[in-house]
Amino acid sequence: MKQLLVVISVLIIFVFAPGVSASGDSALLLGPPDITQSPVNLTGMTVLYQDSACTLLLAEPETASLWDNCEGWTTIISLSDTDALFLLDLAPSAHPHEYGVRTIGRLPSGSWIVRTRSGEDLPWHLPGERIRLNLRGINTTRQLPEKPAISFPQPTEADPVIARLVNEVSSDRLRELVQTLEGFQTRFSYSAGCHNAINWAAQFLQDQGLEIETSGHTAGMAPNLIARKPGLTSPDRIWIICAHIDSISLHPQELAPGADDNGTGSALVLHAAEILRDQRFEDTILFALWTGEEQGLYGSTAWAENAGNAGLAIQGVLNFDMVGYAFPAPEDLNVIVNHDSQPFGNSFIEFLEAYTSLAYRLQVSNGMVYSDHAPFWNEGYPAFCGIEDYPINYPDYHKTTDTWDKIDFQFTADVTRSVIAGVCGFARTVAEQPEDDLQISLTMPAHNYHGGDEIWLWYEITRRGPALDADLYLLLDVVGNYYFYPDWTMDLAGVPIYVPADGVIAQEILRFVLPTSLTSGGPYTFLSTVTARGTYELEANISSYDFWFWP
């Protein structure tokens, strides 16, 4: 989880990326957080960063001078070198003109922001403290393609299918999955451990009958993993359950167990796929594990941008990041949405309430862009982030001590139950249809007969499925010699019949008097089955009935 620490004093290191135009003498502006009431037109501006303390804007020179005339705004620096690295020493309580800026070197282009707590002597390049902005900033001139309005369902009455699936969630299974992920030692995006974790998860998801795709995005990093469960009636409508699988620590190449961050979210995705394996849905569900999150949402950003460019009809993204630390207990789930995603978050909460007892807190925050839901916001898709606490209060966050024994797996299980309930409601479960079936049975009044007895034989055919044109075979086995109805010769023969859809045929087929000349003994056996018309492909079981004859 990439958290922007809210502190009195921060260090920001910023490199302009190719996606952010900084040509000529563009200016980096610093000002108050609320720009909605600004008298200056935002056209051509790029909001690089915004939180409750300040806003960083990239502006062309002619508009920069306009902002300079607005109260509370100042030009931090005029930019003529797109690869220059700037260190901004920001103290939000200070006067804007007291903010110092200096160029400290060159780096390859990339949109980075780094914050550390005031007074901590931490190197700027510490991976655990990097936060990537939303990569291209929020460009007010960029027009997203028009997306059709999405209607989010609400639970009406208890669905026994959803209730059954929710009850299949196991805290013990989630513990096993987190322990397995922790067992890779590190899932740092550039490490062999992360590659190995992705390969293991790919096999796990493939074993659930899902279509597997790995998606590379950044040289040297392990790829994203996406598993598809196609919808039956509306496969173009897509819902995504996701989490980042990569981890970080002060020594990420050697040890980054990442149990809570984000083994818990990854285990949730895997366990949900396991539970929903045999359930059919009208819409498509994607189970996604992102990499490069700790370096700045690399994996989810690349995938979301491709999805936006391709016009994928993503209905909603359920992202989970750190859902295991419970303090104080009982823990509640923070569900974080932006303004546009509020209807989606509200609908999820309704399913959560209908099928679980999990406590929750819905937060509306356009500025919480530090997990893998944010790239989907940038593409105009509804998304939320489910997290144990925001701001984060986990004491083992980004440390080698982030291990499975710190996790409250009952809380993780409760969150997983809410996910199962929500996605079942969103993607619309399809009632299980029993497989087509045809059964035949034979009935006679008794098993023992004497010469002169009248006997009769009934058959009953039970059909579950569509109507069927079929052939009925009935034969008598007399000590290994087979005689076929209706002529009772040894020539293979069937009788055409029509079996109605989802129906039952019960019919007397034989009635006769046993001759007194038969030799005593037995058993004699009637056998019967049904085949598709004109073939020898069995459509039913072979039914039999044994009887004996006594003079």
Protein backbone atom coordinates (compact mmCIF):
# COMPACT_ATOMS: atom_id res chain seq x y z
CA MET A 1 0.00 0.00 0.00
CA LYS A 2 1.51 3.30 -1.07
CA GLN A 3 0.52 5.79 1.58
CA LEU A 4 1.16 9.50 1.48
CA LEU A 5 2.02 10.34 5.07
CA VAL A 6 0.21 13.42 6.32
CA VAL A 7 2.83 15.31 8.28
CA ILE A 8 3.76 18.84 9.11
CA SER A 9 6.98 18.76 7.10
CA VAL A 10 7.71 16.62 4.07
CA LEU A 11 10.31 16.09 1.38
CA ILE A 12 9.09 15.76 -2.18
CA ILE A 13 11.28 14.56 -5.00
CA PHE A 14 9.73 15.02 -8.39
CA VAL A 15 10.78 14.08 -11.92
CA PHE A 16 8.73 15.15 -14.90
CA ALA A 17 7.55 12.27 -17.05
CA PRO A 18 7.04 12.27 -20.83
CA GLY A 19 3.30 12.16 -20.22
CA VAL A 20 3.44 15.53 -18.48
CA SER A 21 4.30 18.36 -20.80
CA ALA A 22 7.02 20.55 -19.34
CA SER A 23 8.43 22.01 -22.49
CA GLY A 24 9.68 25.56 -22.84
CA ASP A 25 9.43 27.58 -19.65
CA SER A 26 6.47 25.85 -18.07
CA ALA A 27 6.07 26.56 -14.40
CA LEU A 28 5.57 24.41 -11.35
CA LEU A 29 3.06 26.18 -9.10
CA LEU A 30 2.28 25.61 -5.46
CA GLY A 31 -0.96 26.69 -3.84
CA PRO A 32 -3.88 25.85 -1.58
CA PRO A 33 -5.73 22.52 -1.84
CA ASP A 34 -9.04 23.85 -3.13
CA ILE A 35 -8.82 25.09 -6.72
CA THR A 36 -12.47 24.62 -7.61
CA GLN A 37 -13.28 28.25 -6.82
CA SER A 38 -10.25 29.64 -8.62
CA PRO A 39 -10.86 32.59 -10.96
CA VAL A 40 -8.29 31.18 -13.40
CA ASN A 41 -9.45 28.87 -16.20
CA LEU A 42 -8.00 25.36 -15.74
CA THR A 43 -7.73 24.65 -19.46
CA GLY A 44 -4.18 23.57 -20.26
CA MET A 45 -3.30 23.00 -16.62
CA THR A 46 -2.10 19.68 -15.22
CA VAL A 47 -2.77 18.90 -11.56
CA LEU A 48 0.35 16.99 -10.56
CA TYR A 49 -0.56 16.46 -6.94
CA GLN A 50 -3.32 17.47 -4.57
CA ASP A 51 -4.09 16.71 -0.95
CA SER A 52 -5.56 18.47 2.07
CA ALA A 53 -2.42 20.62 2.43
CA CYS A 54 -1.55 21.84 -1.04
CA THR A 55 -1.86 21.57 -4.81
CA LEU A 56 1.01 21.27 -7.30
CA LEU A 57 0.14 22.54 -10.78
CA LEU A 58 2.03 22.46 -14.06
CA ALA A 59 1.18 25.52 -16.15
CA GLU A 60 2.33 27.28 -19.27
CA PRO A 61 4.12 30.64 -18.66
CA GLU A 62 1.22 32.83 -19.71
CA THR A 63 -1.21 31.14 -17.30
CA ALA A 64 1.41 30.82 -14.58
CA SER A 65 1.55 34.61 -14.27
CA LEU A 66 -2.22 34.65 -13.73
CA TRP A 67 -1.93 32.20 -10.85
CA ASP A 68 0.83 34.31 -9.31
CA ASN A 69 -1.72 37.05 -8.92
CA CYS A 70 -4.06 34.74 -6.98
CA GLU A 71 -3.83 34.83 -3.21
CA GLY A 72 -1.90 31.89 -1.76
CA TRP A 73 -0.20 30.85 -5.02
CA THR A 74 3.46 31.08 -5.98
CA THR A 75 5.66 29.91 -8.85
CA ILE A 76 8.05 27.34 -7.42
CA ILE A 77 10.30 27.12 -10.47
CA SER A 78 10.30 27.70 -14.18
CA LEU A 79 11.02 24.45 -15.98
CA SER A 80 13.17 24.22 -19.06
CA ASP A 81 14.70 20.79 -18.45
CA THR A 82 12.24 17.90 -18.48
CA ASP A 83 14.75 15.46 -16.93
CA ALA A 84 15.77 17.63 -13.99
CA LEU A 85 15.15 16.26 -10.53
CA PHE A 86 13.85 18.75 -8.00
CA LEU A 87 13.87 18.54 -4.25
CA LEU A 88 11.05 20.51 -2.67
CA ASP A 89 11.27 21.10 1.06
CA LEU A 90 7.61 21.74 1.88
CA ALA A 91 6.20 22.82 5.21
CA PRO A 92 2.43 23.34 4.72
CA SER A 93 2.15 25.72 7.65
CA ALA A 94 4.82 28.02 6.27
CA HIS A 95 4.40 30.86 3.81
CA PRO A 96 4.61 29.62 0.19
CA HIS A 97 7.66 31.79 -0.53
CA GLU A 98 9.61 29.98 2.19
CA TYR A 99 9.48 26.70 0.26
CA GLY A 100 12.97 25.96 -0.99
CA VAL A 101 13.73 24.37 -4.36
CA ARG A 102 17.00 23.17 -5.83
CA THR A 103 18.09 20.86 -8.61
CA ILE A 104 20.02 17.92 -7.16
CA GLY A 105 20.73 15.77 -10.19
CA ARG A 106 19.36 13.95 -13.21
CA LEU A 107 17.34 10.75 -13.42
CA PRO A 108 15.59 8.95 -16.27
CA SER A 109 12.17 10.42 -16.85
CA GLY A 110 9.45 9.06 -14.58
CA SER A 111 6.74 10.68 -12.53
CA TRP A 112 7.84 10.19 -8.93
CA ILE A 113 7.01 11.71 -5.62
CA VAL A 114 8.71 10.77 -2.35
CA ARG A 115 7.66 11.81 1.12
CA THR A 116 9.32 11.03 4.43
CA ARG A 117 8.43 11.93 7.99
CA SER A 118 9.95 15.12 9.28
CA GLY A 119 13.22 14.56 11.10
CA GLU A 120 13.84 11.05 9.73
CA ASP A 121 17.20 10.63 8.04
CA LEU A 122 16.00 8.43 5.17
CA PRO A 123 17.55 8.33 1.70
CA TRP A 124 15.21 9.69 -0.95
CA HIS A 125 15.48 6.51 -3.01
CA LEU A 126 14.17 4.24 -0.26
CA PRO A 127 11.71 2.01 -2.19
CA GLY A 128 9.34 1.71 0.71
CA GLU A 129 8.75 5.44 0.74
CA ARG A 130 8.21 6.00 -2.98
CA ILE A 131 4.86 7.11 -4.18
CA ARG A 132 4.08 7.43 -7.82
CA LEU A 133 1.58 10.05 -8.77
CA ASN A 134 -1.23 9.03 -11.05
CA LEU A 135 1.51 8.93 -13.68
CA ARG A 136 0.26 11.41 -16.18
CA GLY A 137 -1.30 13.75 -13.63
CA ILE A 138 -4.89 14.85 -14.00
CA ASN A 139 -4.84 16.74 -17.25
CA THR A 140 -7.91 18.93 -17.41
CA THR A 141 -7.75 18.98 -21.21
CA ARG A 142 -7.87 15.20 -21.58
CA GLN A 143 -11.28 13.98 -22.66
CA LEU A 144 -12.19 10.45 -21.59
CA PRO A 145 -14.43 8.50 -23.96
CA GLU A 146 -18.07 8.71 -23.04
CA LYS A 147 -19.05 5.64 -21.01
CA PRO A 148 -22.62 4.41 -20.69
CA ALA A 149 -24.24 4.94 -17.32
CA ILE A 150 -23.91 1.94 -15.02
CA SER A 151 -26.81 0.79 -12.89
CA PHE A 152 -25.57 -0.97 -9.78
CA PRO A 153 -27.87 -3.66 -8.36
CA GLN A 154 -29.12 -3.78 -4.80
CA PRO A 155 -30.05 -6.92 -2.89
CA THR A 156 -33.81 -7.43 -2.77
CA GLU A 157 -34.26 -10.65 -0.81
CA ALA A 158 -31.84 -13.20 0.54
CA ASP A 159 -30.42 -15.31 -2.27
CA PRO A 160 -29.67 -18.85 -1.03
CA VAL A 161 -26.94 -19.25 -3.68
CA ILE A 162 -25.08 -16.15 -2.46
CA ALA A 163 -25.59 -17.16 1.18
CA ARG A 164 -24.13 -20.61 0.49
CA LEU A 165 -21.07 -19.17 -1.27
CA VAL A 166 -20.49 -16.61 1.49
CA ASN A 167 -20.53 -19.41 4.05
CA GLU A 168 -17.77 -21.26 2.18
CA VAL A 169 -15.17 -18.64 3.15
CA SER A 170 -12.56 -20.14 5.47
CA SER A 171 -10.20 -18.20 7.72
CA ASP A 172 -7.96 -21.28 7.88
CA ARG A 173 -7.71 -21.36 4.08
CA LEU A 174 -6.84 -17.66 3.99
CA ARG A 175 -4.10 -18.29 6.56
CA GLU A 176 -2.66 -21.07 4.38
CA LEU A 177 -2.62 -18.79 1.35
CA VAL A 178 -0.92 -15.92 3.20
CA GLN A 179 1.66 -18.32 4.63
CA THR A 180 2.36 -19.63 1.13
CA LEU A 181 2.86 -16.10 -0.18
CA GLU A 182 5.09 -15.21 2.76
CA GLY A 183 7.09 -18.36 1.99
CA PHE A 184 8.54 -16.74 -1.14
CA GLN A 185 10.65 -14.62 1.29
CA THR A 186 10.24 -11.52 -0.87
CA ARG A 187 7.78 -10.48 -3.54
CA PHE A 188 9.68 -7.31 -4.40
CA SER A 189 8.61 -6.60 -7.98
CA TYR A 190 12.13 -7.00 -9.40
CA SER A 191 12.92 -10.19 -7.47
CA ALA A 192 12.82 -13.84 -8.44
CA GLY A 193 10.47 -14.29 -5.49
CA CYS A 194 7.82 -12.12 -7.13
CA HIS A 195 8.18 -13.96 -10.44
CA ASN A 196 7.84 -17.26 -8.56
CA ALA A 197 4.78 -16.02 -6.68
CA ILE A 198 3.12 -15.01 -9.95
CA ASN A 199 3.87 -18.43 -11.47
CA TRP A 200 2.44 -20.20 -8.43
CA ALA A 201 -0.68 -18.02 -8.41
CA ALA A 202 -1.14 -18.59 -12.16
CA GLN A 203 -1.20 -22.35 -11.63
CA PHE A 204 -3.55 -21.94 -8.66
CA LEU A 205 -6.02 -19.91 -10.71
CA GLN A 206 -5.73 -22.20 -13.70
CA ASP A 207 -6.65 -25.08 -11.40
CA GLN A 208 -9.91 -23.22 -10.74
CA GLY A 209 -10.78 -23.55 -14.42
CA LEU A 210 -10.00 -19.91 -15.25
CA GLU A 211 -8.45 -18.46 -18.40
CA ILE A 212 -4.98 -17.18 -17.49
CA GLU A 213 -3.11 -14.18 -18.90
CA THR A 214 0.14 -12.62 -17.74
CA SER A 215 0.70 -9.01 -18.72
CA GLY A 216 4.19 -7.51 -18.68
CA HIS A 217 4.56 -3.78 -18.09
CA THR A 218 7.99 -2.73 -16.81
CA ALA A 219 11.42 -4.15 -17.69
CA GLY A 220 12.68 -6.44 -14.95
CA MET A 221 9.43 -6.54 -12.99
CA ALA A 222 7.24 -9.62 -12.63
CA PRO A 223 4.14 -9.36 -14.82
CA ASN A 224 0.56 -8.78 -13.81
CA LEU A 225 -1.63 -11.87 -13.58
CA ILE A 226 -5.23 -11.78 -14.81
CA ALA A 227 -7.62 -14.75 -14.61
CA ARG A 228 -10.88 -14.59 -16.54
CA LYS A 229 -14.20 -16.21 -15.69
CA PRO A 230 -16.34 -15.50 -18.78
CA GLY A 231 -19.95 -14.46 -18.34
CA LEU A 232 -22.65 -16.57 -19.92
CA THR A 233 -25.04 -13.92 -21.22
CA SER A 234 -23.14 -10.59 -21.01
CA PRO A 235 -19.45 -11.47 -21.34
CA ASP A 236 -18.50 -7.91 -22.36
CA ARG A 237 -19.59 -6.57 -18.94
CA ILE A 238 -16.54 -6.92 -16.68
CA TRP A 239 -16.12 -6.82 -12.90
CA ILE A 240 -12.63 -6.95 -11.41
CA ILE A 241 -11.56 -8.31 -8.00
CA CYS A 242 -7.93 -7.31 -7.53
CA ALA A 243 -4.99 -6.76 -5.21
CA HIS A 244 -1.27 -6.17 -5.60
CA ILE A 245 0.86 -9.21 -4.93
CA ASP A 246 4.23 -7.44 -4.69
CA SER A 247 5.79 -6.52 -1.34
CA ILE A 248 8.39 -4.11 0.02
CA SER A 249 10.63 -3.60 3.06
CA LEU A 250 13.85 -1.85 4.02
CA HIS A 251 15.67 -4.85 2.51
CA PRO A 252 13.36 -5.82 -0.34
CA GLN A 253 15.76 -7.98 -2.32
CA GLU A 254 16.39 -10.28 0.63
CA LEU A 255 13.26 -10.26 2.78
CA ALA A 256 9.87 -8.63 2.32
CA PRO A 257 7.27 -11.05 3.70
CA GLY A 258 4.37 -8.67 3.05
CA ALA A 259 1.78 -10.68 4.98
CA ASP A 260 -0.66 -7.82 5.50
CA ASP A 261 0.68 -5.65 2.67
CA ASN A 262 -0.51 -7.30 0.60
CA GLY A 263 -0.64 -11.02 1.22
CA THR A 264 -4.09 -10.56 2.73
CA GLY A 265 -5.51 -8.85 -0.37
CA SER A 266 -3.89 -11.42 -2.67
CA ALA A 267 -5.19 -14.33 -0.58
CA LEU A 268 -8.66 -12.79 -0.75
CA VAL A 269 -8.51 -12.75 -4.56
CA LEU A 270 -7.28 -16.36 -4.73
CA HIS A 271 -9.80 -17.69 -2.20
CA ALA A 272 -12.66 -15.87 -3.94
CA ALA A 273 -11.69 -17.52 -7.23
CA GLU A 274 -11.61 -20.87 -5.45
CA ILE A 275 -15.07 -20.44 -3.94
CA LEU A 276 -16.65 -19.18 -7.18
CA ARG A 277 -15.10 -21.92 -9.29
CA ASP A 278 -18.33 -23.78 -10.08
CA GLN A 279 -20.68 -20.80 -9.96
CA ARG A 280 -21.87 -19.36 -13.25
CA PHE A 281 -22.48 -15.65 -13.83
CA GLU A 282 -24.14 -13.51 -16.45
CA ASP A 283 -21.19 -11.07 -16.53
CA THR A 284 -17.45 -11.70 -16.75
CA ILE A 285 -15.32 -11.62 -13.59
CA LEU A 286 -11.57 -10.94 -13.68
CA PHE A 287 -9.34 -11.95 -10.78
CA ALA A 288 -6.23 -9.74 -11.02
CA LEU A 289 -2.94 -9.65 -9.12
CA TRP A 290 -0.89 -6.55 -9.90
CA THR A 291 2.85 -6.03 -9.58
CA GLY A 292 4.85 -2.82 -9.37
CA GLU A 293 2.37 -1.29 -6.92
CA GLU A 294 5.03 -0.49 -4.36
CA GLN A 295 7.11 1.26 -7.03
CA GLY A 296 4.18 3.44 -8.06
CA LEU A 297 1.15 1.49 -9.34
CA TYR A 298 3.09 0.42 -12.45
CA GLY A 299 1.19 -2.76 -13.19
CA SER A 300 -2.37 -1.58 -12.61
CA THR A 301 -1.70 1.68 -14.42
CA ALA A 302 -0.43 -0.04 -17.55
CA TRP A 303 -3.36 -2.45 -17.58
CA ALA A 304 -6.01 0.19 -16.82
CA GLU A 305 -4.70 2.49 -19.54
CA ASN A 306 -4.83 -0.36 -22.06
CA ALA A 307 -8.35 -1.19 -20.91
CA GLY A 308 -9.42 2.42 -21.30
CA ASN A 309 -7.87 2.69 -24.75
CA ALA A 310 -9.57 -0.55 -25.80
CA GLY A 311 -12.93 0.66 -24.49
CA LEU A 312 -13.46 -2.33 -22.17
CA ALA A 313 -16.85 -2.20 -20.48
CA ILE A 314 -15.51 -2.45 -16.93
CA GLN A 315 -18.49 -2.08 -14.60
CA GLY A 316 -16.58 -1.84 -11.34
CA VAL A 317 -13.23 -2.59 -9.70
CA LEU A 318 -13.04 -4.05 -6.18
CA ASN A 319 -9.45 -3.45 -4.99
CA PHE A 320 -8.23 -4.75 -1.63
CA ASP A 321 -5.01 -3.63 -0.01
CA MET A 322 -4.13 -4.59 3.58
CA VAL A 323 -7.16 -6.34 5.08
CA GLY A 324 -5.68 -8.26 8.00
CA TYR A 325 -4.52 -6.03 10.84
CA ALA A 326 -7.27 -5.53 13.41
CA PHE A 327 -6.57 -2.76 15.89
CA PRO A 328 -8.51 -1.92 17.79
CA ALA A 329 -10.64 -5.02 17.47
CA PRO A 330 -13.22 -5.52 16.18
CA GLU A 331 -11.84 -3.95 13.02
CA ASP A 332 -13.97 -2.25 10.40
CA LEU A 333 -13.38 -2.15 6.66
CA ASN A 334 -12.67 1.26 5.17
CA VAL A 335 -14.28 1.44 1.71
CA ILE A 336 -12.72 4.38 -0.12
CA VAL A 337 -14.39 5.83 -3.21
CA ASN A 338 -14.05 9.00 -5.21
CA HIS A 339 -17.08 11.15 -5.95
CA ASP A 340 -17.93 9.36 -9.21
CA SER A 341 -17.67 5.92 -7.58
CA GLN A 342 -20.02 6.63 -4.69
CA PRO A 343 -22.99 4.74 -6.22
CA PHE A 344 -20.74 1.72 -6.69
CA GLY A 345 -19.50 1.90 -3.10
CA ASN A 346 -23.04 2.32 -1.78
CA SER A 347 -24.21 -0.76 -3.69
CA PHE A 348 -21.29 -2.82 -2.35
CA ILE A 349 -22.16 -1.74 1.19
CA GLU A 350 -25.74 -2.94 0.70
CA PHE A 351 -24.56 -6.44 -0.24
CA LEU A 352 -22.08 -6.37 2.65
CA GLU A 353 -24.89 -5.58 5.07
CA ALA A 354 -27.26 -8.15 3.57
CA TYR A 355 -24.89 -11.12 3.88
CA THR A 356 -22.28 -10.30 6.56
CA SER A 357 -21.96 -8.67 9.95
CA LEU A 358 -18.76 -6.82 8.99
CA ALA A 359 -18.46 -3.27 10.29
CA TYR A 360 -17.48 -0.71 7.67
CA ARG A 361 -16.77 2.95 7.06
CA LEU A 362 -17.44 4.49 3.64
CA GLN A 363 -14.97 7.28 2.84
CA VAL A 364 -15.23 9.65 -0.11
CA SER A 365 -11.73 10.83 -1.01
CA ASN A 366 -10.69 11.91 -4.48
CA GLY A 367 -7.14 12.28 -3.16
CA MET A 368 -6.62 8.70 -1.93
CA VAL A 369 -4.74 7.56 -5.05
CA TYR A 370 -2.15 5.32 -3.41
CA SER A 371 -3.40 1.89 -4.39
CA ASP A 372 -4.46 0.05 -7.52
CA HIS A 373 -7.99 1.45 -7.71
CA ALA A 374 -6.63 4.89 -8.67
CA PRO A 375 -5.57 4.08 -12.26
CA PHE A 376 -9.13 2.96 -12.93
CA TRP A 377 -10.44 6.26 -11.58
CA ASN A 378 -8.14 7.96 -14.07
CA GLU A 379 -9.82 6.00 -16.87
CA GLY A 380 -13.30 6.93 -15.68
CA TYR A 381 -14.17 3.49 -14.27
CA PRO A 382 -16.01 2.98 -10.94
CA ALA A 383 -13.61 1.58 -8.35
CA PHE A 384 -13.02 1.45 -4.62
CA CYS A 385 -10.25 0.45 -2.26
CA GLY A 386 -11.01 -1.80 0.70
CA ILE A 387 -8.45 -1.36 3.47
CA GLU A 388 -8.24 -2.05 7.20
CA ASP A 389 -7.39 1.57 8.09
CA TYR A 390 -6.73 4.78 6.23
CA PRO A 391 -4.56 6.56 7.25
CA ILE A 392 -2.50 3.41 7.87
CA ASN A 393 -1.73 2.51 11.49
CA TYR A 394 -0.11 -0.91 11.00
CA PRO A 395 3.15 -0.89 13.02
CA ASP A 396 4.86 -3.46 10.75
CA TYR A 397 4.03 -1.61 7.53
CA HIS A 398 6.81 -2.06 4.94
CA LYS A 399 9.00 -3.93 7.42
CA THR A 400 10.54 -7.38 7.52
CA THR A 401 8.30 -8.02 10.53
CA ASP A 402 5.11 -7.90 8.39
CA THR A 403 4.42 -11.60 8.99
CA TRP A 404 1.33 -13.80 9.09
CA ASP A 405 1.20 -14.00 12.89
CA LYS A 406 0.19 -10.30 12.97
CA ILE A 407 -2.98 -11.00 10.98
CA ASP A 408 -6.52 -11.39 12.30
CA PHE A 409 -7.71 -13.96 9.77
CA GLN A 410 -11.27 -13.81 11.00
CA PHE A 411 -11.33 -10.17 9.91
CA THR A 412 -9.78 -11.13 6.54
CA ALA A 413 -12.46 -13.82 6.20
CA ASP A 414 -15.22 -11.31 6.95
CA VAL A 415 -13.86 -9.00 4.25
CA THR A 416 -13.71 -11.93 1.81
CA ARG A 417 -17.34 -12.74 2.59
CA SER A 418 -18.30 -9.19 1.70
CA VAL A 419 -16.45 -9.56 -1.62
CA ILE A 420 -18.23 -12.82 -2.44
CA ALA A 421 -21.60 -11.22 -1.66
CA GLY A 422 -20.83 -8.10 -3.67
CA VAL A 423 -19.45 -9.71 -6.79
CA CYS A 424 -22.24 -12.31 -6.86
CA GLY A 425 -24.76 -9.49 -6.79
CA PHE A 426 -22.90 -7.37 -9.34
CA ALA A 427 -22.07 -10.09 -11.87
CA ARG A 428 -25.48 -11.74 -11.36
CA THR A 429 -25.40 -15.42 -10.46
CA VAL A 430 -26.99 -17.85 -12.87
CA ALA A 431 -29.13 -20.51 -11.21
CA GLU A 432 -27.56 -23.92 -11.48
CA GLN A 433 -29.27 -25.94 -14.17
CA PRO A 434 -29.22 -29.69 -13.60
CA GLU A 435 -27.58 -31.64 -16.34
CA ASP A 436 -29.84 -33.32 -18.87
CA ASP A 437 -30.79 -36.73 -17.59
CA LEU A 438 -32.92 -39.70 -18.65
CA GLN A 439 -33.64 -42.70 -16.46
CA ILE A 440 -35.54 -45.91 -17.20
CA SER A 441 -36.75 -48.48 -14.73
CA LEU A 442 -38.56 -51.83 -15.11
CA THR A 443 -41.21 -53.17 -12.74
CA MET A 444 -42.92 -56.57 -12.40
CA PRO A 445 -45.38 -57.70 -9.69
CA ALA A 446 -43.08 -60.39 -8.30
CA HIS A 447 -39.82 -62.26 -8.78
CA ASN A 448 -41.10 -65.84 -8.53
CA TYR A 449 -43.58 -67.35 -10.99
CA HIS A 450 -45.19 -70.70 -11.84
CA GLY A 451 -46.59 -72.12 -15.06
CA GLY A 452 -49.94 -70.54 -15.87
CA ASP A 453 -49.23 -67.31 -13.93
CA GLU A 454 -50.10 -64.05 -15.64
CA ILE A 455 -47.25 -61.59 -15.42
CA TRP A 456 -46.85 -58.06 -16.73
CA LEU A 457 -43.97 -55.67 -17.20
CA TRP A 458 -43.97 -51.89 -16.83
CA TYR A 459 -41.33 -49.39 -17.83
CA GLU A 460 -40.99 -45.87 -16.51
CA ILE A 461 -38.89 -43.20 -18.21
CA THR A 462 -38.03 -39.99 -16.33
CA ARG A 463 -36.73 -37.11 -18.42
CA ARG A 464 -34.97 -33.96 -17.15
CA GLY A 465 -34.12 -31.84 -20.13
CA PRO A 466 -35.46 -31.13 -23.61
CA ALA A 467 -37.77 -33.45 -25.52
CA LEU A 468 -36.11 -36.40 -27.20
CA ASP A 469 -36.87 -38.65 -30.16
CA ALA A 470 -35.51 -41.99 -29.03
CA ASP A 471 -35.53 -45.77 -29.48
CA LEU A 472 -36.56 -48.06 -26.64
CA TYR A 473 -34.73 -51.37 -26.36
CA LEU A 474 -36.23 -54.22 -24.34
CA LEU A 475 -34.76 -57.71 -24.34
CA LEU A 476 -35.02 -60.94 -22.41
CA ASP A 477 -31.85 -62.71 -21.32
CA VAL A 478 -32.39 -66.45 -21.11
CA VAL A 479 -29.18 -68.07 -19.96
CA GLY A 480 -27.08 -65.84 -22.25
CA ASN A 481 -29.45 -65.86 -25.23
CA TYR A 482 -31.00 -62.44 -26.01
CA TYR A 483 -34.52 -62.02 -27.43
CA PHE A 484 -35.61 -58.53 -28.50
CA TYR A 485 -39.04 -57.01 -28.07
CA PRO A 486 -41.50 -56.78 -29.87
CA ASP A 487 -40.89 -59.87 -32.05
CA TRP A 488 -38.75 -61.73 -29.50
CA THR A 489 -36.19 -62.72 -32.08
CA MET A 490 -32.46 -62.54 -31.61
CA ASP A 491 -32.22 -59.69 -34.14
CA LEU A 492 -31.22 -56.38 -32.54
CA ALA A 493 -34.29 -54.14 -32.65
CA GLY A 494 -35.64 -51.00 -30.98
CA VAL A 495 -39.06 -49.39 -30.77
CA PRO A 496 -39.35 -45.66 -31.67
CA ILE A 497 -40.71 -43.55 -28.80
CA TYR A 498 -41.09 -39.85 -28.04
CA VAL A 499 -39.89 -38.62 -24.64
CA PRO A 500 -41.39 -35.22 -23.67
CA ALA A 501 -39.32 -32.48 -22.05
CA ASP A 502 -39.06 -32.75 -18.27
CA GLY A 503 -41.68 -35.46 -18.23
CA VAL A 504 -42.39 -38.99 -17.08
CA ILE A 505 -43.66 -41.91 -19.18
CA ALA A 506 -45.09 -44.84 -17.23
CA GLN A 507 -46.49 -47.57 -19.42
CA GLU A 508 -47.36 -51.26 -19.35
CA ILE A 509 -45.44 -52.87 -22.21
CA LEU A 510 -46.06 -56.61 -21.71
CA ARG A 511 -48.80 -58.86 -20.29
CA PHE A 512 -48.73 -62.60 -20.82
CA VAL A 513 -49.28 -66.04 -19.25
CA LEU A 514 -46.22 -68.13 -18.53
CA PRO A 515 -46.33 -71.51 -20.31
CA THR A 516 -46.24 -74.60 -18.10
CA SER A 517 -43.59 -76.19 -20.31
CA LEU A 518 -40.77 -73.87 -19.24
CA THR A 519 -37.86 -75.49 -17.49
CA SER A 520 -37.59 -74.42 -13.92
CA GLY A 521 -34.72 -72.20 -12.88
CA GLY A 522 -33.42 -68.76 -13.58
CA PRO A 523 -32.82 -66.07 -13.17
CA TYR A 524 -34.35 -64.80 -16.35
CA THR A 525 -33.65 -61.13 -16.89
CA PHE A 526 -35.45 -58.35 -18.68
CA LEU A 527 -33.08 -55.56 -19.76
CA SER A 528 -33.99 -52.15 -21.12
CA THR A 529 -32.38 -48.89 -22.23
CA VAL A 530 -33.01 -45.86 -24.44
CA THR A 531 -30.84 -44.54 -27.26
CA ALA A 532 -31.00 -41.43 -29.41
CA ARG A 533 -33.20 -42.11 -32.46
CA GLY A 534 -31.38 -44.12 -35.10
CA THR A 535 -28.13 -44.45 -33.11
CA TYR A 536 -26.63 -46.74 -30.53
CA GLU A 537 -25.66 -43.85 -28.25
CA LEU A 538 -27.12 -44.55 -24.84
CA GLU A 539 -29.28 -41.78 -23.41
CA ALA A 540 -30.23 -43.70 -20.27
CA ASN A 541 -28.93 -46.24 -17.86
CA ILE A 542 -29.46 -49.93 -18.57
CA SER A 543 -32.23 -51.14 -16.29
CA SER A 544 -32.81 -54.80 -15.44
CA TYR A 545 -35.36 -56.99 -13.68
CA ASP A 546 -34.70 -60.61 -12.68
CA PHE A 547 -37.32 -63.32 -12.17
CA TRP A 548 -37.42 -67.07 -11.52
CA PHE A 549 -39.80 -69.77 -12.80
CA TRP A 550 -40.94 -72.77 -10.83
CA PRO A 551 -43.22 -75.46 -12.35
